[in-house]
């Protein structure tokens, strides 16, 4: 066992030494080019040009985003969703669960029980917004000029920077926004419920896969202290970070490269095999599985969830399998 650990340790050290050597060699080449006055050639999109093979992907993501919002807005007329008024917990069932894991400000008085209220589409599809820029490589957004820029869903901004051309009228912008979506779309008939649920979960998978592809080329920044996200080569200078010790940073965000879950959160919820049955309890907590809120809503509406989607989500949670 000791020999195996020693071998692994040596291989890890060797890997990092080789990686550092390659980085130093690349830095020397860049320095020589700079001394000669030769600019290092940049590939799209870092040079401001579009990536041709990703333009269809961006259009597909945007179309699926609209289908996802419309489908969820219709399903939520039939499938009940509850959210805790004290924390971010969401539950998809006919009543809230009894699992004592609330971490809200008054959870001590409630012994960890959640304070359930009727949820909305924003509880299922968490709205992540960013500033919309006509020129991502132009001037940075300053704190004084923040009201000159619109706030739109980060997924939509990513598609626009990838090459999607959308109309700037108010009616088209509303199609991409989750606010008031349930009021824009009427309740579906019970016969159409499984079809809408299947279209919605398929759109969810397309959006997540497409966003992953786009983020491999287009830069997205996320604050390491708060949920703020910015789509562009560098973060903005708006001083609105209210996270821990933000006074030391003068309210500025701590930008770092974002991951998919920061721009398109999975938002895991407890899986309920019988939505009309008894509520989930803390004593059986380790036997319950979890799934993304969108997948759970569509599953209860009659959609057939792809095995790859279920396996991936449940594997990430380490929970028991759903039947």
Protein backbone atom coordinates (compact mmCIF):
# COMPACT_ATOMS: atom_id res chain seq x y z
CA UNK A 1 0.00 0.00 0.00
CA UNK A 2 2.84 2.36 0.88
CA UNK A 3 4.56 1.65 -2.45
CA UNK A 4 1.33 2.36 -4.35
CA UNK A 5 0.85 5.71 -2.57
CA UNK A 6 4.48 6.61 -3.20
CA UNK A 7 4.12 5.81 -6.92
CA UNK A 8 0.97 7.93 -7.23
CA UNK A 9 2.65 10.80 -5.40
CA UNK A 10 5.66 10.69 -7.73
CA UNK A 11 3.46 10.60 -10.85
CA UNK A 12 1.49 13.62 -9.65
CA UNK A 13 4.68 15.59 -8.96
CA UNK A 14 6.06 14.62 -12.38
CA UNK A 15 2.85 15.77 -14.08
CA UNK A 16 2.95 19.21 -12.42
CA UNK A 17 6.68 19.62 -13.22
CA UNK A 18 6.04 18.88 -16.91
CA UNK A 19 3.03 21.20 -16.93
CA UNK A 20 5.07 24.02 -15.38
CA UNK A 21 7.86 23.50 -17.88
CA UNK A 22 5.42 23.80 -20.82
CA UNK A 23 3.96 26.97 -19.33
CA UNK A 24 7.43 28.53 -18.99
CA UNK A 25 8.32 27.60 -22.57
CA UNK A 26 5.09 29.18 -23.87
CA UNK A 27 5.78 32.33 -21.80
CA UNK A 28 9.31 32.62 -23.27
CA UNK A 29 7.91 32.39 -26.82
CA UNK A 30 5.34 35.10 -26.07
CA UNK A 31 8.05 37.31 -24.58
CA UNK A 32 10.28 36.94 -27.67
CA UNK A 33 7.37 37.86 -29.95
CA UNK A 34 6.60 40.91 -27.80
CA UNK A 35 10.24 42.05 -27.93
CA UNK A 36 10.14 41.88 -31.74
CA UNK A 37 6.89 43.87 -31.81
CA UNK A 38 4.90 40.93 -33.16
CA UNK A 39 1.41 40.52 -31.72
CA UNK A 40 0.38 37.03 -30.74
CA UNK A 41 -2.42 35.87 -33.08
CA UNK A 42 -5.68 35.17 -31.29
CA UNK A 43 -8.31 32.67 -32.34
CA UNK A 44 -12.04 33.42 -32.40
CA UNK A 45 -13.82 34.51 -30.27
CA UNK A 46 -10.90 36.10 -28.37
CA UNK A 47 -10.14 38.31 -31.37
CA UNK A 48 -13.71 39.61 -31.53
CA UNK A 49 -14.88 37.32 -34.34
CA UNK A 50 -17.60 34.69 -34.14
CA UNK A 51 -17.06 30.94 -34.16
CA UNK A 52 -18.95 29.76 -37.27
CA UNK A 53 -19.73 26.21 -36.11
CA UNK A 54 -21.17 27.50 -32.81
CA UNK A 55 -23.71 29.89 -34.34
CA UNK A 56 -26.25 27.09 -35.03
CA UNK A 57 -25.69 25.83 -31.48
CA UNK A 58 -26.52 29.29 -30.09
CA UNK A 59 -29.73 29.47 -32.12
CA UNK A 60 -30.72 25.99 -30.97
CA UNK A 61 -30.09 26.92 -27.32
CA UNK A 62 -32.16 30.09 -27.62
CA UNK A 63 -35.09 28.29 -29.28
CA UNK A 64 -34.97 25.57 -26.61
CA UNK A 65 -34.81 28.27 -23.90
CA UNK A 66 -38.12 29.69 -25.12
CA UNK A 67 -39.67 26.19 -25.23
CA UNK A 68 -38.38 25.55 -21.69
CA UNK A 69 -39.97 28.72 -20.29
CA UNK A 70 -43.26 28.15 -22.09
CA UNK A 71 -43.44 24.49 -21.06
CA UNK A 72 -42.66 25.17 -17.40
CA UNK A 73 -45.19 28.03 -17.28
CA UNK A 74 -47.90 25.68 -18.56
CA UNK A 75 -46.92 22.74 -16.35
CA UNK A 76 -46.93 24.85 -13.18
CA UNK A 77 -50.65 25.48 -13.67
CA UNK A 78 -51.12 21.76 -12.92
CA UNK A 79 -48.03 20.59 -10.99
CA UNK A 80 -47.83 22.26 -7.55
CA UNK A 81 -44.50 23.72 -6.43
CA UNK A 82 -43.66 25.07 -2.97
CA UNK A 83 -40.80 27.24 -1.82
CA UNK A 84 -39.57 28.03 1.66
CA UNK A 85 -40.06 31.67 2.62
CA UNK A 86 -36.97 31.56 4.86
CA UNK A 87 -34.42 29.72 2.67
CA UNK A 88 -33.87 28.57 -0.93
CA UNK A 89 -35.45 25.11 -0.52
CA UNK A 90 -37.96 24.07 -3.22
CA UNK A 91 -40.29 21.07 -3.19
CA UNK A 92 -42.41 19.64 -6.02
CA UNK A 93 -45.45 17.88 -4.54
CA UNK A 94 -49.00 18.55 -3.34
CA UNK A 95 -47.63 19.57 0.08
CA UNK A 96 -44.26 20.58 1.52
CA UNK A 97 -41.97 17.96 3.03
CA UNK A 98 -41.18 17.59 6.74
CA UNK A 99 -37.40 17.27 6.45
CA UNK A 100 -35.80 19.49 9.08
CA UNK A 101 -33.00 21.11 7.07
CA UNK A 102 -34.05 24.77 6.93
CA UNK A 103 -31.19 27.20 7.54
CA UNK A 104 -33.21 30.43 7.43
CA UNK A 105 -33.00 33.23 10.02
CA UNK A 106 -35.85 31.88 12.19
CA UNK A 107 -35.18 28.16 11.72
CA UNK A 108 -34.42 27.70 15.44
CA UNK A 109 -37.97 28.60 16.43
CA UNK A 110 -39.33 26.18 13.82
CA UNK A 111 -36.88 23.41 14.80
CA UNK A 112 -35.58 23.30 11.26
CA UNK A 113 -38.97 22.84 9.60
CA UNK A 114 -39.56 24.86 6.44
CA UNK A 115 -42.12 27.64 6.10
CA UNK A 116 -43.80 26.69 2.82
CA UNK A 117 -45.46 29.13 0.43
CA UNK A 118 -46.71 28.67 -3.12
CA UNK A 119 -43.79 28.65 -5.55
CA UNK A 120 -43.35 30.15 -9.02
CA UNK A 121 -41.37 29.45 -12.17
CA UNK A 122 -38.40 31.34 -10.69
CA UNK A 123 -38.21 28.72 -7.93
CA UNK A 124 -37.84 25.96 -10.52
CA UNK A 125 -35.77 27.75 -13.16
CA UNK A 126 -33.49 29.99 -11.10
CA UNK A 127 -33.13 33.37 -12.88
CA UNK A 128 -29.46 34.25 -13.46
CA UNK A 129 -29.13 37.63 -15.16
CA UNK A 130 -26.20 39.57 -16.56
CA UNK A 131 -25.61 42.93 -18.22
CA UNK A 132 -26.29 43.07 -21.95
CA UNK A 133 -23.44 44.61 -23.94
CA UNK A 134 -23.45 45.47 -27.65
CA UNK A 135 -19.63 45.30 -27.66
CA UNK A 136 -18.19 42.80 -25.12
CA UNK A 137 -14.65 44.02 -25.97
CA UNK A 138 -15.49 47.68 -25.43
CA UNK A 139 -15.30 49.71 -22.26
CA UNK A 140 -15.99 48.01 -18.98
CA UNK A 141 -19.28 48.69 -17.26
CA UNK A 142 -18.61 51.15 -14.43
CA UNK A 143 -20.63 51.62 -11.28
CA UNK A 144 -21.84 55.03 -12.44
CA UNK A 145 -23.00 53.74 -15.86
CA UNK A 146 -24.68 50.51 -14.71
CA UNK A 147 -28.19 51.84 -15.47
CA UNK A 148 -27.25 52.36 -19.13
CA UNK A 149 -27.21 48.58 -19.66
CA UNK A 150 -30.16 46.17 -19.61
CA UNK A 151 -30.22 43.06 -17.47
CA UNK A 152 -31.22 39.94 -19.42
CA UNK A 153 -30.91 36.18 -18.70
CA UNK A 154 -27.27 35.10 -18.82
CA UNK A 155 -28.12 32.22 -21.17
CA UNK A 156 -29.64 34.68 -23.64
CA UNK A 157 -26.62 37.02 -23.40
CA UNK A 158 -24.30 34.08 -24.06
CA UNK A 159 -26.27 33.16 -27.19
CA UNK A 160 -26.22 36.78 -28.42
CA UNK A 161 -22.45 36.99 -28.06
CA UNK A 162 -22.19 33.64 -29.89
CA UNK A 163 -23.92 35.11 -32.93
CA UNK A 164 -27.68 35.15 -32.38
CA UNK A 165 -29.42 38.24 -33.77
CA UNK A 166 -32.63 39.04 -31.88
CA UNK A 167 -35.05 41.89 -32.36
CA UNK A 168 -34.83 44.61 -29.73
CA UNK A 169 -38.59 45.09 -29.36
CA UNK A 170 -40.23 44.47 -25.98
CA UNK A 171 -42.37 41.55 -27.19
CA UNK A 172 -39.34 39.46 -28.25
CA UNK A 173 -37.46 40.19 -25.01
CA UNK A 174 -40.45 38.95 -22.99
CA UNK A 175 -40.16 35.51 -24.63
CA UNK A 176 -36.77 35.01 -22.96
CA UNK A 177 -37.76 36.21 -19.46
CA UNK A 178 -39.26 34.02 -16.74
CA UNK A 179 -40.97 36.90 -14.89
CA UNK A 180 -44.74 36.68 -15.41
CA UNK A 181 -44.41 33.64 -17.68
CA UNK A 182 -47.28 31.77 -15.98
CA UNK A 183 -49.58 34.68 -16.80
CA UNK A 184 -48.57 34.72 -20.47
CA UNK A 185 -49.38 31.06 -21.14
CA UNK A 186 -52.75 29.41 -20.36
CA UNK A 187 -53.16 26.11 -18.49
CA UNK A 188 -52.83 23.03 -20.73
CA UNK A 189 -55.41 20.28 -21.12
CA UNK A 190 -54.70 17.05 -19.23
CA UNK A 191 -54.37 15.19 -22.54
CA UNK A 192 -51.53 17.48 -23.65
CA UNK A 193 -49.69 17.33 -20.31
CA UNK A 194 -47.32 14.41 -21.11
CA UNK A 195 -46.42 15.89 -24.52
CA UNK A 196 -45.61 19.31 -23.05
CA UNK A 197 -43.60 17.70 -20.25
CA UNK A 198 -41.55 15.67 -22.76
CA UNK A 199 -40.86 18.74 -24.91
CA UNK A 200 -39.83 20.68 -21.81
CA UNK A 201 -37.37 18.10 -20.50
CA UNK A 202 -35.89 17.67 -23.99
CA UNK A 203 -35.45 21.46 -24.22
CA UNK A 204 -33.79 21.46 -20.78
CA UNK A 205 -31.22 18.92 -21.94
CA UNK A 206 -30.54 20.84 -25.18
CA UNK A 207 -30.02 24.10 -23.27
CA UNK A 208 -27.64 22.52 -20.78
CA UNK A 209 -25.63 20.71 -23.46
CA UNK A 210 -25.51 23.80 -25.68
CA UNK A 211 -24.44 26.12 -22.87
CA UNK A 212 -21.63 23.69 -22.04
CA UNK A 213 -20.40 23.83 -25.66
CA UNK A 214 -20.62 27.63 -25.83
CA UNK A 215 -18.75 28.11 -22.55
CA UNK A 216 -15.82 26.11 -23.90
CA UNK A 217 -15.12 29.00 -26.30
CA UNK A 218 -16.88 32.09 -24.93
CA UNK A 219 -15.74 33.49 -21.59
CA UNK A 220 -18.18 33.72 -18.69
CA UNK A 221 -17.11 35.20 -15.35
CA UNK A 222 -18.66 34.54 -11.94
CA UNK A 223 -18.05 36.26 -8.63
CA UNK A 224 -16.36 34.04 -6.08
CA UNK A 225 -18.28 35.68 -3.24
CA UNK A 226 -21.86 36.21 -4.54
CA UNK A 227 -24.06 34.78 -7.36
CA UNK A 228 -23.30 37.61 -9.83
CA UNK A 229 -22.43 36.45 -13.37
CA UNK A 230 -21.01 38.39 -16.30
CA UNK A 231 -20.79 37.17 -19.90
CA UNK A 232 -17.71 38.62 -21.53
CA UNK A 233 -13.90 38.48 -21.62
CA UNK A 234 -13.62 40.32 -18.28
CA UNK A 235 -15.95 41.21 -15.43
CA UNK A 236 -17.67 44.56 -14.88
CA UNK A 237 -16.74 47.17 -12.27
CA UNK A 238 -20.16 47.57 -10.65
CA UNK A 239 -19.70 47.74 -6.87
CA UNK A 240 -22.73 45.76 -5.74
CA UNK A 241 -21.17 42.71 -4.12
CA UNK A 242 -22.74 42.33 -0.69
CA UNK A 243 -21.04 39.10 0.32
CA UNK A 244 -18.84 38.54 3.37
CA UNK A 245 -16.25 41.34 3.92
CA UNK A 246 -17.36 43.25 0.83
CA UNK A 247 -16.26 46.47 2.56
CA UNK A 248 -12.65 45.38 2.20
CA UNK A 249 -13.15 45.15 -1.57
CA UNK A 250 -15.18 48.38 -1.82
CA UNK A 251 -18.12 46.30 -3.05
CA UNK A 252 -16.21 44.99 -6.07
CA UNK A 253 -16.74 41.44 -7.28
CA UNK A 254 -14.04 38.78 -7.22
CA UNK A 255 -14.19 37.50 -10.78
CA UNK A 256 -13.18 33.99 -11.79
CA UNK A 257 -14.05 31.61 -14.63
CA UNK A 258 -17.61 30.35 -14.30
CA UNK A 259 -18.92 26.81 -14.57
CA UNK A 260 -22.18 25.67 -16.17
CA UNK A 261 -24.07 25.45 -12.87
CA UNK A 262 -23.38 29.14 -12.19
CA UNK A 263 -25.06 30.32 -15.38
CA UNK A 264 -27.67 27.53 -15.62
CA UNK A 265 -28.20 26.07 -12.10
CA UNK A 266 -29.47 22.51 -11.75
CA UNK A 267 -31.42 23.42 -8.58
CA UNK A 268 -31.74 19.94 -7.05
CA UNK A 269 -34.94 19.01 -5.18
CA UNK A 270 -36.10 15.88 -3.36
CA UNK A 271 -37.64 13.27 -5.66
CA UNK A 272 -41.20 12.28 -4.68
CA UNK A 273 -42.41 8.93 -5.99
CA UNK A 274 -46.00 9.63 -4.87
CA UNK A 275 -46.78 13.39 -5.02
CA UNK A 276 -50.18 12.85 -3.34
CA UNK A 277 -48.83 10.53 -0.67
CA UNK A 278 -47.51 11.29 2.83
CA UNK A 279 -44.84 14.03 3.04
CA UNK A 280 -41.16 13.16 3.17
CA UNK A 281 -39.65 12.92 6.67
CA UNK A 282 -36.22 13.44 8.16
CA UNK A 283 -35.98 9.87 9.46
CA UNK A 284 -35.94 8.48 5.90
CA UNK A 285 -33.85 11.27 4.41
CA UNK A 286 -30.95 9.03 3.34
CA UNK A 287 -33.30 6.84 1.30
CA UNK A 288 -34.65 9.68 -0.86
CA UNK A 289 -33.13 10.62 -4.20
CA UNK A 290 -32.71 14.07 -5.74
CA UNK A 291 -33.21 15.46 -9.23
CA UNK A 292 -33.11 18.90 -10.90
CA UNK A 293 -36.33 20.81 -10.27
CA UNK A 294 -37.15 20.97 -13.99
CA UNK A 295 -36.69 17.22 -14.36
CA UNK A 296 -38.84 16.55 -11.26
CA UNK A 297 -41.70 18.73 -12.57
CA UNK A 298 -41.62 17.05 -15.98
CA UNK A 299 -41.40 13.59 -14.42
CA UNK A 300 -44.51 14.18 -12.34
CA UNK A 301 -46.28 15.49 -15.46
CA UNK A 302 -45.66 12.21 -17.31
CA UNK A 303 -42.42 12.74 -19.24
CA UNK A 304 -40.05 9.89 -19.99
CA UNK A 305 -36.71 10.98 -18.55
CA UNK A 306 -33.63 9.83 -20.54
CA UNK A 307 -31.51 7.32 -18.66
CA UNK A 308 -28.34 9.33 -19.27
CA UNK A 309 -29.92 12.40 -17.66
CA UNK A 310 -31.10 10.47 -14.61
CA UNK A 311 -27.83 8.61 -14.17
CA UNK A 312 -25.77 11.79 -14.41
CA UNK A 313 -27.89 13.79 -11.96
CA UNK A 314 -28.25 11.03 -9.41
CA UNK A 315 -24.61 10.13 -9.67
CA UNK A 316 -23.65 13.71 -8.84
CA UNK A 317 -25.74 13.58 -5.69
CA UNK A 318 -24.67 10.16 -4.51
CA UNK A 319 -28.24 9.38 -3.55
CA UNK A 320 -30.26 6.23 -3.98
CA UNK A 321 -31.69 5.53 -7.42
CA UNK A 322 -35.17 6.67 -8.38
CA UNK A 323 -37.74 4.09 -9.42
